[in-house]
Protein backbone atom coordinates (compact mmCIF):
# COMPACT_ATOMS: atom_id res chain seq x y z
CA UNK A 1 0.00 0.00 0.00
CA UNK A 2 1.33 3.39 -0.88
CA UNK A 3 1.33 6.07 1.79
CA UNK A 4 -0.68 8.87 0.18
CA UNK A 5 -0.67 11.21 3.17
CA UNK A 6 2.82 10.56 4.52
CA UNK A 7 1.82 8.64 7.64
CA UNK A 8 1.65 4.91 8.27
CA UNK A 9 -1.72 4.98 10.06
CA UNK A 10 -3.94 8.04 9.94
CA UNK A 11 -6.98 8.34 12.20
CA UNK A 12 -8.85 9.97 9.31
CA UNK A 13 -8.36 6.95 7.01
CA UNK A 14 -9.96 3.52 7.03
CA UNK A 15 -7.71 1.08 8.94
CA UNK A 16 -5.04 -0.47 6.73
CA UNK A 17 -5.73 1.91 3.84
CA UNK A 18 -4.95 5.42 2.69
CA UNK A 19 -8.62 6.07 1.87
CA UNK A 20 -10.10 8.96 3.82
CA UNK A 21 -13.20 8.05 5.81
CA UNK A 22 -16.13 9.35 3.79
CA UNK A 23 -19.89 9.70 4.08
CA UNK A 24 -20.46 7.16 1.31
CA UNK A 25 -18.40 4.54 3.18
CA UNK A 26 -16.43 3.81 -0.01
CA UNK A 27 -13.19 1.99 0.75
CA UNK A 28 -12.00 1.45 -2.84
CA UNK A 29 -9.79 4.27 -4.17
CA UNK A 30 -10.91 3.95 -7.78
CA UNK A 31 -14.60 3.86 -6.89
CA UNK A 32 -14.18 6.84 -4.55
CA UNK A 33 -12.42 8.81 -7.30
CA UNK A 34 -15.32 8.07 -9.69
CA UNK A 35 -17.86 9.19 -7.08
CA UNK A 36 -15.91 12.40 -6.43
CA UNK A 37 -15.85 13.17 -10.16
CA UNK A 38 -19.59 12.53 -10.47
CA UNK A 39 -20.44 14.72 -7.47
CA UNK A 40 -18.12 17.49 -8.67
CA UNK A 41 -19.60 17.43 -12.18
CA UNK A 42 -23.14 17.56 -10.80
CA UNK A 43 -22.26 20.45 -8.51
CA UNK A 44 -20.58 22.29 -11.40
CA UNK A 45 -23.81 22.04 -13.42
CA UNK A 46 -25.78 23.84 -10.69
CA UNK A 47 -23.85 27.09 -11.15
């Protein structure tokens, strides 16, 4: 596992991962990135 945030264990990440704890409870980096893109695109359309 790569250390995205420069710490071995971060209290803001799911245990054993470098995925930030999120409201969608997504623990897969690729799936979380897709969700972030979708939410950002939707938000961009509202302006």
